[in-house]
Amino acid sequence: METVNIHEAKTQLSRLVDKAAKGESFVIAKAGKPLVKVTALEAPTGGQIRRLGFMAGQIVVPDDFDRMGEAEIAQLFGSDA
């Protein structure tokens, strides 16, 4: 694995990021001491991305959903609802 000093990393950041994105991780060091490892992220593919509304039409929410358990909750908080 390649080790680059922090000055070199600053001046050649674009090139180093491109290499890391292609799977070539590298280490950034300061005064010869390794500080961080730069590696590519595993981004989700199109089929792995969650979509809002993917279960539309498959579930039913009761009309009183926002009032379910209202009496029990009020009792827990000492209210007479």
N, C-alpha and C. Protein backbone atom coordinates (compact mmCIF):
# COMPACT_ATOMS: atom_id res chain seq x y z
N MET A 1 0.85 -1.17 0.00
CA MET A 1 0.00 0.00 0.00
C MET A 1 0.90 1.23 0.00
N GLU A 2 0.55 2.18 -0.83
CA GLU A 2 1.33 3.40 -0.97
C GLU A 2 1.16 4.30 0.26
N THR A 3 2.24 4.92 0.68
CA THR A 3 2.19 5.92 1.75
C THR A 3 2.67 7.23 1.17
N VAL A 4 1.88 8.29 1.38
CA VAL A 4 2.26 9.62 0.89
C VAL A 4 2.27 10.58 2.07
N ASN A 5 3.17 11.58 1.97
CA ASN A 5 3.19 12.56 3.06
C ASN A 5 2.04 13.55 2.84
N ILE A 6 1.71 14.27 3.87
CA ILE A 6 0.53 15.12 3.84
C ILE A 6 0.66 16.24 2.79
N HIS A 7 1.86 16.75 2.59
CA HIS A 7 2.07 17.79 1.58
C HIS A 7 1.79 17.24 0.19
N GLU A 8 2.32 16.06 -0.09
CA GLU A 8 2.07 15.43 -1.40
C GLU A 8 0.59 15.14 -1.58
N ALA A 9 -0.08 14.71 -0.53
CA ALA A 9 -1.51 14.42 -0.61
C ALA A 9 -2.30 15.68 -0.95
N LYS A 10 -1.89 16.81 -0.38
CA LYS A 10 -2.58 18.07 -0.69
C LYS A 10 -2.38 18.48 -2.14
N THR A 11 -1.16 18.32 -2.64
CA THR A 11 -0.87 18.78 -4.00
C THR A 11 -1.38 17.82 -5.07
N GLN A 12 -1.57 16.55 -4.72
CA GLN A 12 -2.00 15.57 -5.72
C GLN A 12 -3.29 14.87 -5.32
N LEU A 13 -4.16 15.59 -4.63
CA LEU A 13 -5.37 14.99 -4.09
C LEU A 13 -6.24 14.35 -5.17
N SER A 14 -6.47 15.02 -6.27
CA SER A 14 -7.33 14.46 -7.32
C SER A 14 -6.81 13.12 -7.83
N ARG A 15 -5.51 13.06 -8.10
CA ARG A 15 -4.92 11.82 -8.60
C ARG A 15 -5.04 10.70 -7.56
N LEU A 16 -4.77 11.03 -6.31
CA LEU A 16 -4.84 10.03 -5.25
C LEU A 16 -6.27 9.54 -5.02
N VAL A 17 -7.23 10.45 -5.07
CA VAL A 17 -8.63 10.05 -4.90
C VAL A 17 -9.07 9.15 -6.05
N ASP A 18 -8.66 9.46 -7.26
CA ASP A 18 -8.98 8.60 -8.40
C ASP A 18 -8.42 7.19 -8.20
N LYS A 19 -7.19 7.11 -7.73
CA LYS A 19 -6.58 5.79 -7.47
C LYS A 19 -7.36 5.04 -6.39
N ALA A 20 -7.72 5.74 -5.33
CA ALA A 20 -8.46 5.09 -4.24
C ALA A 20 -9.82 4.61 -4.73
N ALA A 21 -10.48 5.41 -5.56
CA ALA A 21 -11.79 5.02 -6.09
C ALA A 21 -11.68 3.76 -6.95
N LYS A 22 -10.53 3.52 -7.53
CA LYS A 22 -10.32 2.33 -8.35
C LYS A 22 -9.85 1.14 -7.51
N GLY A 23 -9.80 1.32 -6.19
CA GLY A 23 -9.44 0.21 -5.31
C GLY A 23 -8.03 0.23 -4.80
N GLU A 24 -7.25 1.26 -5.12
CA GLU A 24 -5.87 1.35 -4.66
C GLU A 24 -5.79 2.24 -3.42
N SER A 25 -6.01 1.68 -2.25
CA SER A 25 -5.97 2.44 -1.01
C SER A 25 -4.57 2.98 -0.77
N PHE A 26 -4.51 4.06 0.01
CA PHE A 26 -3.21 4.62 0.38
C PHE A 26 -3.29 5.21 1.78
N VAL A 27 -2.11 5.46 2.34
CA VAL A 27 -1.99 6.01 3.69
C VAL A 27 -1.39 7.40 3.59
N ILE A 28 -1.95 8.33 4.37
CA ILE A 28 -1.37 9.67 4.47
C ILE A 28 -0.61 9.74 5.79
N ALA A 29 0.65 10.17 5.69
CA ALA A 29 1.52 10.24 6.86
C ALA A 29 1.99 11.68 7.09
N LYS A 30 2.30 11.97 8.34
CA LYS A 30 2.87 13.28 8.69
C LYS A 30 4.13 13.01 9.51
N ALA A 31 5.22 13.55 9.05
CA ALA A 31 6.53 13.33 9.68
C ALA A 31 6.84 11.85 9.80
N GLY A 32 6.43 11.09 8.78
CA GLY A 32 6.72 9.66 8.76
C GLY A 32 5.76 8.79 9.56
N LYS A 33 4.81 9.40 10.27
CA LYS A 33 3.85 8.63 11.07
C LYS A 33 2.53 8.53 10.32
N PRO A 34 2.06 7.33 10.08
CA PRO A 34 0.77 7.16 9.39
C PRO A 34 -0.36 7.80 10.19
N LEU A 35 -1.21 8.57 9.48
CA LEU A 35 -2.33 9.24 10.13
C LEU A 35 -3.67 8.63 9.74
N VAL A 36 -3.88 8.48 8.43
CA VAL A 36 -5.17 7.99 7.95
C VAL A 36 -4.97 7.06 6.76
N LYS A 37 -5.93 6.17 6.58
CA LYS A 37 -5.96 5.30 5.41
C LYS A 37 -7.12 5.78 4.55
N VAL A 38 -6.87 5.99 3.27
CA VAL A 38 -7.90 6.42 2.34
C VAL A 38 -8.24 5.23 1.46
N THR A 39 -9.52 4.90 1.42
CA THR A 39 -9.98 3.75 0.66
C THR A 39 -11.33 4.06 0.04
N ALA A 40 -11.69 3.35 -1.00
CA ALA A 40 -12.96 3.59 -1.69
C ALA A 40 -14.14 3.14 -0.83
N LEU A 41 -15.25 3.85 -0.97
CA LEU A 41 -16.49 3.45 -0.31
C LEU A 41 -17.23 2.47 -1.19
N GLU A 42 -18.00 1.61 -0.55
CA GLU A 42 -18.84 0.69 -1.31
C GLU A 42 -20.21 1.32 -1.41
N ALA A 43 -20.43 2.10 -2.45
CA ALA A 43 -21.71 2.78 -2.65
C ALA A 43 -22.75 1.78 -3.16
N PRO A 44 -24.00 1.96 -2.74
CA PRO A 44 -25.05 1.04 -3.20
C PRO A 44 -25.30 1.19 -4.69
N THR A 45 -25.63 0.08 -5.32
CA THR A 45 -25.97 0.12 -6.75
C THR A 45 -27.43 0.51 -6.89
N GLY A 46 -27.87 0.72 -8.11
CA GLY A 46 -29.26 1.13 -8.36
C GLY A 46 -30.28 0.22 -7.74
N GLY A 47 -30.05 -1.09 -7.73
CA GLY A 47 -31.00 -2.03 -7.17
C GLY A 47 -30.99 -2.07 -5.65
N GLN A 48 -29.98 -1.50 -5.02
CA GLN A 48 -29.86 -1.52 -3.57
C GLN A 48 -30.39 -0.26 -2.90
N ILE A 49 -30.67 0.77 -3.68
CA ILE A 49 -31.12 2.03 -3.11
C ILE A 49 -32.58 1.91 -2.68
N ARG A 50 -32.86 2.36 -1.45
CA ARG A 50 -34.22 2.31 -0.94
C ARG A 50 -35.04 3.44 -1.55
N ARG A 51 -36.25 3.14 -1.91
CA ARG A 51 -37.13 4.13 -2.51
C ARG A 51 -38.34 4.36 -1.61
N LEU A 52 -38.72 5.63 -1.44
CA LEU A 52 -39.91 5.95 -0.68
C LEU A 52 -41.13 5.47 -1.46
N GLY A 53 -42.10 4.96 -0.74
CA GLY A 53 -43.34 4.53 -1.38
C GLY A 53 -43.26 3.18 -2.04
N PHE A 54 -42.24 2.39 -1.75
CA PHE A 54 -42.08 1.10 -2.41
C PHE A 54 -43.15 0.10 -2.03
N MET A 55 -43.89 0.35 -0.93
CA MET A 55 -44.95 -0.56 -0.52
C MET A 55 -46.34 0.04 -0.73
N ALA A 56 -46.42 1.06 -1.56
CA ALA A 56 -47.71 1.72 -1.82
C ALA A 56 -48.73 0.69 -2.29
N GLY A 57 -49.89 0.71 -1.64
CA GLY A 57 -50.96 -0.21 -2.00
C GLY A 57 -50.86 -1.58 -1.36
N GLN A 58 -49.79 -1.86 -0.63
CA GLN A 58 -49.59 -3.17 -0.02
C GLN A 58 -49.95 -3.20 1.46
N ILE A 59 -50.06 -2.03 2.08
CA ILE A 59 -50.43 -1.98 3.49
C ILE A 59 -51.57 -0.98 3.68
N VAL A 60 -52.30 -1.13 4.78
CA VAL A 60 -53.41 -0.23 5.08
C VAL A 60 -53.18 0.34 6.48
N VAL A 61 -53.27 1.65 6.60
CA VAL A 61 -53.12 2.32 7.88
C VAL A 61 -54.52 2.65 8.39
N PRO A 62 -54.87 2.21 9.61
CA PRO A 62 -56.21 2.49 10.14
C PRO A 62 -56.47 3.99 10.26
N ASP A 63 -57.73 4.38 10.13
CA ASP A 63 -58.10 5.79 10.24
C ASP A 63 -57.76 6.38 11.60
N ASP A 64 -57.82 5.57 12.65
CA ASP A 64 -57.54 6.07 14.00
C ASP A 64 -56.09 5.84 14.42
N PHE A 65 -55.20 5.69 13.48
CA PHE A 65 -53.80 5.39 13.77
C PHE A 65 -53.18 6.41 14.73
N ASP A 66 -53.43 7.69 14.51
CA ASP A 66 -52.82 8.71 15.35
C ASP A 66 -53.49 8.85 16.72
N ARG A 67 -54.55 8.09 16.97
CA ARG A 67 -55.22 8.11 18.26
C ARG A 67 -55.14 6.76 18.97
N MET A 68 -54.47 5.80 18.38
CA MET A 68 -54.37 4.46 18.97
C MET A 68 -53.64 4.54 20.31
N GLY A 69 -54.20 3.93 21.34
CA GLY A 69 -53.59 3.91 22.66
C GLY A 69 -53.70 5.23 23.40
N GLU A 70 -54.54 6.12 22.91
CA GLU A 70 -54.67 7.47 23.48
C GLU A 70 -55.04 7.43 24.97
N ALA A 71 -56.01 6.62 25.34
CA ALA A 71 -56.46 6.55 26.73
C ALA A 71 -55.35 6.00 27.64
N GLU A 72 -54.68 4.96 27.19
CA GLU A 72 -53.61 4.36 28.00
C GLU A 72 -52.46 5.35 28.20
N ILE A 73 -52.12 6.07 27.17
CA ILE A 73 -51.03 7.04 27.26
C ILE A 73 -51.42 8.17 28.20
N ALA A 74 -52.66 8.66 28.08
CA ALA A 74 -53.13 9.72 28.95
C ALA A 74 -53.10 9.26 30.41
N GLN A 75 -53.49 8.01 30.65
CA GLN A 75 -53.48 7.48 32.00
C GLN A 75 -52.06 7.41 32.57
N LEU A 76 -51.12 7.02 31.74
CA LEU A 76 -49.73 6.96 32.17
C LEU A 76 -49.19 8.32 32.60
N PHE A 77 -49.69 9.38 31.97
CA PHE A 77 -49.24 10.73 32.28
C PHE A 77 -50.16 11.42 33.28
N GLY A 78 -51.11 10.68 33.84
CA GLY A 78 -51.97 11.22 34.89
C GLY A 78 -53.06 12.15 34.38
N SER A 79 -53.42 12.03 33.13
CA SER A 79 -54.47 12.86 32.56
C SER A 79 -55.78 12.07 32.50
N ASP A 80 -56.92 12.77 32.49
CA ASP A 80 -58.23 12.10 32.42
C ASP A 80 -58.81 12.22 31.01
N ALA A 81 -58.18 11.67 30.02
CA ALA A 81 -58.67 11.76 28.64
C ALA A 81 -59.64 10.66 28.34
